[in-house]
Protein backbone atom coordinates (compact mmCIF):
# COMPACT_ATOMS: atom_id res chain seq x y z
CA MET A 1 0.00 0.00 0.00
CA THR A 2 1.03 3.59 -0.56
CA GLU A 3 1.54 5.57 2.58
CA ARG A 4 -0.68 8.60 3.05
CA GLY A 5 1.15 11.75 2.05
CA ALA A 6 3.56 9.95 -0.27
CA ASN A 7 4.10 11.40 -3.73
CA VAL A 8 1.98 9.45 -6.20
CA ILE A 9 2.50 9.70 -9.96
CA PRO A 10 -0.94 9.40 -11.59
CA PHE A 11 0.44 8.04 -14.84
CA ALA A 12 3.80 7.13 -16.26
CA PRO A 13 4.16 5.78 -19.82
CA GLU A 14 5.16 2.12 -19.98
CA THR A 15 8.25 2.72 -22.06
CA GLY A 16 10.61 0.69 -19.94
CA ASP A 17 12.99 3.61 -20.04
CA GLU A 18 15.29 3.53 -17.03
CA ALA A 19 15.76 7.28 -17.17
CA ASP A 20 12.08 7.79 -16.35
CA MET A 21 12.36 5.35 -13.46
CA ASP A 22 15.29 7.28 -12.08
CA ASN A 23 13.51 10.58 -12.66
CA PRO A 24 9.78 10.24 -11.82
CA ALA A 25 9.23 13.95 -12.50
CA GLY A 26 10.49 13.48 -16.05
CA GLY A 27 8.04 10.64 -16.60
CA LEU A 28 5.19 12.77 -15.27
CA HIS A 29 6.09 15.65 -17.58
CA LEU A 30 6.17 13.28 -20.55
CA ALA A 31 2.79 11.86 -19.59
CA GLU A 32 1.27 15.34 -19.46
CA ALA A 33 2.78 16.23 -22.84
CA VAL A 34 1.37 12.99 -24.25
CA ARG A 35 -2.11 13.87 -22.97
CA MET A 36 -1.87 17.37 -24.43
CA ALA A 37 -0.67 16.10 -27.82
CA GLU A 38 -3.44 13.51 -27.86
CA ALA A 39 -6.05 16.21 -27.24
CA ILE A 40 -4.62 18.51 -29.92
CA VAL A 41 -4.61 15.85 -32.63
CA PHE A 42 -8.00 14.45 -31.62
CA ALA A 43 -9.65 17.88 -31.84
CA SER A 44 -8.20 18.70 -35.26
CA ALA A 45 -10.08 17.91 -38.46
CA GLU A 46 -6.79 17.93 -40.38
CA PRO A 47 -3.43 16.28 -39.66
CA VAL A 48 -1.46 18.38 -37.16
CA SER A 49 2.04 19.38 -38.21
CA HIS A 50 5.19 19.06 -36.13
CA LYS A 51 5.47 22.86 -36.15
CA ALA A 52 1.92 23.30 -34.80
CA LEU A 53 2.51 20.73 -32.05
CA ALA A 54 5.79 22.34 -31.02
CA ALA A 55 4.06 25.73 -30.80
CA ARG A 56 1.25 24.44 -28.54
CA LEU A 57 3.12 21.99 -26.32
CA PRO A 58 5.31 23.21 -23.41
CA GLU A 59 8.55 24.80 -24.52
CA GLY A 60 11.37 22.30 -24.90
CA THR A 61 9.06 19.32 -25.43
CA ASP A 62 10.62 16.49 -27.45
CA VAL A 63 7.80 16.33 -29.99
CA PRO A 64 9.00 13.19 -31.85
CA ALA A 65 9.35 11.29 -28.56
CA VAL A 66 5.91 12.42 -27.39
CA MET A 67 4.22 11.46 -30.65
CA GLU A 68 5.98 8.10 -30.72
CA GLU A 69 4.60 7.43 -27.23
CA VAL A 70 1.08 8.38 -28.36
CA ARG A 71 1.45 6.09 -31.36
CA ARG A 72 2.63 3.24 -29.11
CA GLN A 73 -0.34 3.65 -26.79
CA TYR A 74 -2.81 3.53 -29.70
CA GLU A 75 -1.19 0.81 -31.81
CA ARG A 76 -3.56 -1.93 -30.53
CA ARG A 77 -6.71 0.19 -30.35
CA GLY A 78 -9.56 0.78 -32.76
CA VAL A 79 -7.97 4.01 -33.90
CA ASN A 80 -4.27 4.46 -34.57
CA LEU A 81 -2.04 7.51 -34.65
CA VAL A 82 -0.46 7.75 -38.09
CA ARG A 83 2.14 10.07 -39.54
CA VAL A 84 1.18 11.96 -42.69
CA GLY A 85 4.26 13.67 -44.09
CA ASP A 86 5.33 16.03 -41.31
CA ALA A 87 1.96 15.81 -39.54
CA TRP A 88 -0.02 13.44 -37.33
CA ALA A 89 -3.65 12.25 -37.36
CA PHE A 90 -5.90 9.62 -35.81
CA ARG A 91 -7.25 7.07 -38.28
CA THR A 92 -9.37 3.92 -38.03
CA ALA A 93 -7.19 0.83 -37.55
CA GLY A 94 -6.58 -0.79 -40.91
CA ASP A 95 -8.04 -4.17 -39.94
CA LEU A 96 -11.31 -2.48 -38.89
CA ALA A 97 -11.86 -0.43 -42.04
CA PHE A 98 -14.59 -2.86 -43.16
CA LEU A 99 -16.79 -1.61 -40.31
CA MET A 100 -16.91 1.83 -41.92
CA SER A 101 -17.86 0.59 -45.40
CA ARG A 102 -21.59 0.92 -44.80
CA ASP A 103 -21.26 4.61 -44.01
CA ALA A 104 -18.76 5.38 -46.77
CA VAL A 105 -19.90 7.93 -49.32
CA GLN A 106 -19.97 6.54 -52.83
CA GLN A 107 -17.30 8.41 -54.75
CA LYS A 108 -16.92 8.60 -58.48
CA LYS A 109 -13.83 6.75 -59.67
CA LEU A 110 -11.12 8.70 -61.42
CA SER A 111 -10.78 8.09 -65.13
CA ARG A 112 -7.79 6.19 -66.45
CA ALA A 113 -6.38 9.45 -67.81
CA ALA A 114 -6.68 11.11 -64.40
CA LEU A 115 -4.98 8.16 -62.69
CA GLU A 116 -2.15 8.28 -65.22
CA VAL A 117 -1.66 12.00 -64.67
CA LEU A 118 -1.79 11.55 -60.89
CA ALA A 119 0.87 8.83 -61.04
CA ILE A 120 3.12 10.97 -63.25
CA ILE A 121 2.81 13.93 -60.91
CA ALA A 122 3.53 11.75 -57.86
CA TYR A 123 6.67 10.15 -59.29
CA HIS A 124 8.01 13.02 -61.42
CA GLN A 125 7.13 16.13 -59.37
CA PRO A 126 7.70 18.94 -59.96
CA VAL A 127 6.26 18.53 -63.44
CA THR A 128 4.55 20.85 -65.93
CA ARG A 129 1.55 20.08 -68.11
CA ALA A 130 3.81 19.87 -71.18
CA GLU A 131 6.10 17.42 -69.39
CA ILE A 132 3.09 15.30 -68.38
CA GLU A 133 1.98 15.17 -72.01
CA GLU A 134 5.50 14.22 -73.13
CA ILE A 135 5.57 11.30 -70.69
CA ARG A 136 2.04 10.11 -71.56
CA GLY A 137 2.47 10.66 -75.27
CA VAL A 138 -0.98 12.26 -75.53
CA GLU A 139 -2.52 15.64 -74.81
CA THR A 140 -3.74 16.21 -71.26
CA SER A 141 -6.95 18.17 -70.93
CA LYS A 142 -7.22 21.06 -68.50
CA GLY A 143 -10.29 19.36 -67.06
CA THR A 144 -8.21 16.39 -65.91
CA LEU A 145 -5.79 18.63 -64.03
CA ASP A 146 -8.67 20.68 -62.62
CA LEU A 147 -10.30 17.48 -61.32
CA LEU A 148 -7.10 16.42 -59.56
CA LEU A 149 -6.75 19.88 -58.04
CA GLU A 150 -10.34 19.65 -56.78
CA THR A 151 -9.62 16.34 -55.03
CA GLY A 152 -6.93 18.14 -53.04
CA TRP A 153 -4.36 15.47 -53.93
CA VAL A 154 -2.52 17.72 -56.39
CA ARG A 155 -1.38 21.30 -55.95
CA MET A 156 0.30 24.01 -57.99
CA ARG A 157 3.87 24.29 -56.71
CA GLY A 158 5.44 27.17 -58.62
CA ARG A 159 6.55 28.26 -62.08
CA ARG A 160 9.32 26.75 -64.18
CA ARG A 161 12.11 29.15 -65.12
CA THR A 162 11.62 28.57 -68.84
CA PRO A 163 9.92 30.62 -71.57
CA GLY A 164 6.26 31.06 -70.74
CA ARG A 165 6.91 30.25 -67.07
CA PRO A 166 4.62 27.17 -67.03
CA VAL A 167 3.06 26.10 -63.73
CA THR A 168 4.61 23.12 -61.98
CA TYR A 169 2.47 20.51 -60.23
CA GLY A 170 3.12 18.27 -57.23
CA THR A 171 1.22 16.18 -54.70
CA ALA A 172 -0.38 17.65 -51.57
CA GLU A 173 -0.34 16.28 -48.03
CA SER A 174 -3.88 14.96 -48.49
CA PHE A 175 -2.51 12.64 -51.20
CA LEU A 176 -0.30 10.96 -48.59
CA ASP A 177 -3.19 10.82 -46.13
CA HIS A 178 -5.61 9.23 -48.62
CA PHE A 179 -3.17 6.56 -49.79
CA GLY A 180 -1.77 5.82 -46.33
CA LEU A 181 1.77 7.04 -47.02
CA GLU A 182 4.02 8.64 -44.43
CA GLU A 183 6.14 10.31 -47.11
CA ILE A 184 6.30 10.42 -50.88
CA ARG A 185 9.28 8.06 -50.94
CA ASP A 186 6.95 5.32 -49.67
CA LEU A 187 5.40 5.08 -53.15
CA PRO A 188 5.76 1.53 -54.50
CA GLY A 189 8.80 0.69 -56.60
CA MET A 190 8.96 -1.43 -59.75
CA ASP A 191 8.97 -4.82 -57.97
CA GLU A 192 5.95 -3.85 -55.86
CA LEU A 193 4.07 -2.54 -58.90
CA LYS A 194 4.77 -5.77 -60.80
CA GLY A 195 3.71 -7.84 -57.80
CA ALA A 196 0.41 -5.98 -57.66
CA GLY A 197 -0.17 -6.63 -61.36
CA LEU A 198 0.09 -2.94 -62.25
CA LEU A 199 3.07 -3.43 -64.57
CA SER A 200 3.55 -6.02 -67.27
CA ALA A 201 6.21 -8.62 -66.60
CA ARG A 202 7.50 -7.96 -70.13
CA MET A 203 8.49 -4.34 -69.69
CA PRO A 204 11.33 -2.96 -71.86
CA SER A 205 14.76 -3.65 -70.36
CA ASN A 206 15.49 0.08 -70.06
CA PHE A 207 12.22 0.86 -68.24
CA ALA A 208 12.62 2.31 -64.76
CA VAL A 209 10.28 3.73 -62.13
CA PRO A 210 11.58 7.15 -61.06
CA GLN A 211 12.58 7.69 -57.44
CA PRO A 212 10.36 10.40 -55.89
CA ALA A 213 12.09 13.47 -54.52
CA ALA A 214 13.32 13.28 -50.93
CA ASP A 215 11.63 16.59 -50.10
CA PRO A 216 8.76 17.16 -52.54
CA ASP A 217 7.79 20.43 -50.84
CA ALA A 218 11.12 22.14 -51.53
CA LEU A 219 11.32 24.21 -54.71
CA THR A 220 13.97 23.07 -57.19
CA ASP A 221 16.64 25.32 -58.67
CA ASP A 222 14.57 25.86 -61.84
CA GLU A 223 11.35 26.80 -60.00
CA ASP A 224 10.07 30.15 -58.77
CA PRO A 225 7.47 30.34 -55.98
CA LEU A 226 3.94 31.40 -56.86
CA THR A 227 3.36 35.08 -56.13
CA ASP A 228 0.06 36.84 -55.47
CA ILE A 229 0.12 38.04 -59.09
CA ASP A 230 0.55 34.44 -60.27
CA LEU A 231 -2.34 33.33 -58.07
CA GLU A 232 -4.55 36.08 -59.50
CA GLU A 233 -3.68 35.04 -63.05
CA LEU A 234 -4.48 31.41 -62.22
CA GLY A 235 -7.80 32.34 -60.63
CA LEU A 236 -6.70 31.20 -57.19
CA LEU A 237 -6.78 34.64 -55.60
CA THR A 238 -9.39 37.37 -55.81
CA PRO A 239 -7.93 40.35 -57.71
CA ARG A 240 -7.04 43.25 -55.48
CA VAL A 241 -9.18 46.36 -55.79
CA THR A 242 -7.23 49.61 -55.82
CA ASP A 243 -8.67 53.00 -55.09
CA ASP A 244 -8.54 55.52 -57.93
């Protein structure tokens, strides 16, 4: 039994870490940070970024350690904590997804052309419309790109530093979230695509699946960021009204 008046720690994460055993206060602080992080992510409709967590948790909090502890605690539950790029979100455990099928909204499937364009953007980003057409060997309609932009899986990244300054396209964080990827480099390689029956076993000997960029969010040397003027021209920003 615990003697009356003794210091009692209400919760200490079962990490097995000897440092926490030697320093009960440290374990208590971690437990509180875990509870706070859990509440922040649970209350958010969108994945919560590392930057947002660091800003809202106590100063000096080891965010990766805290989130790893939250993930450990939820790994056997009906919902799991998953990493989406540089953000975190709660999602239904994969083996229980069938329970949600009755409530799922029937969504219209993407056309083959849209899927091809999406795959090209994912593997080749940053890529322009002309570059997409060169890879596919056929013209790509504006409607196909508009549809992918509407899904939120594709975004306009910047402008290529070439004549005409064409817009470059890349995937958005929601693309990772929808397809269950932690980062873009988790896209399947050639062996995985063949195993899934998505590539013919008799591909040309020189065929290769491109390796996605390590940091798809970073602009390349031949890209300029989108300015407010660019956004206005693309219809993504309401034109500014100036007084005469």
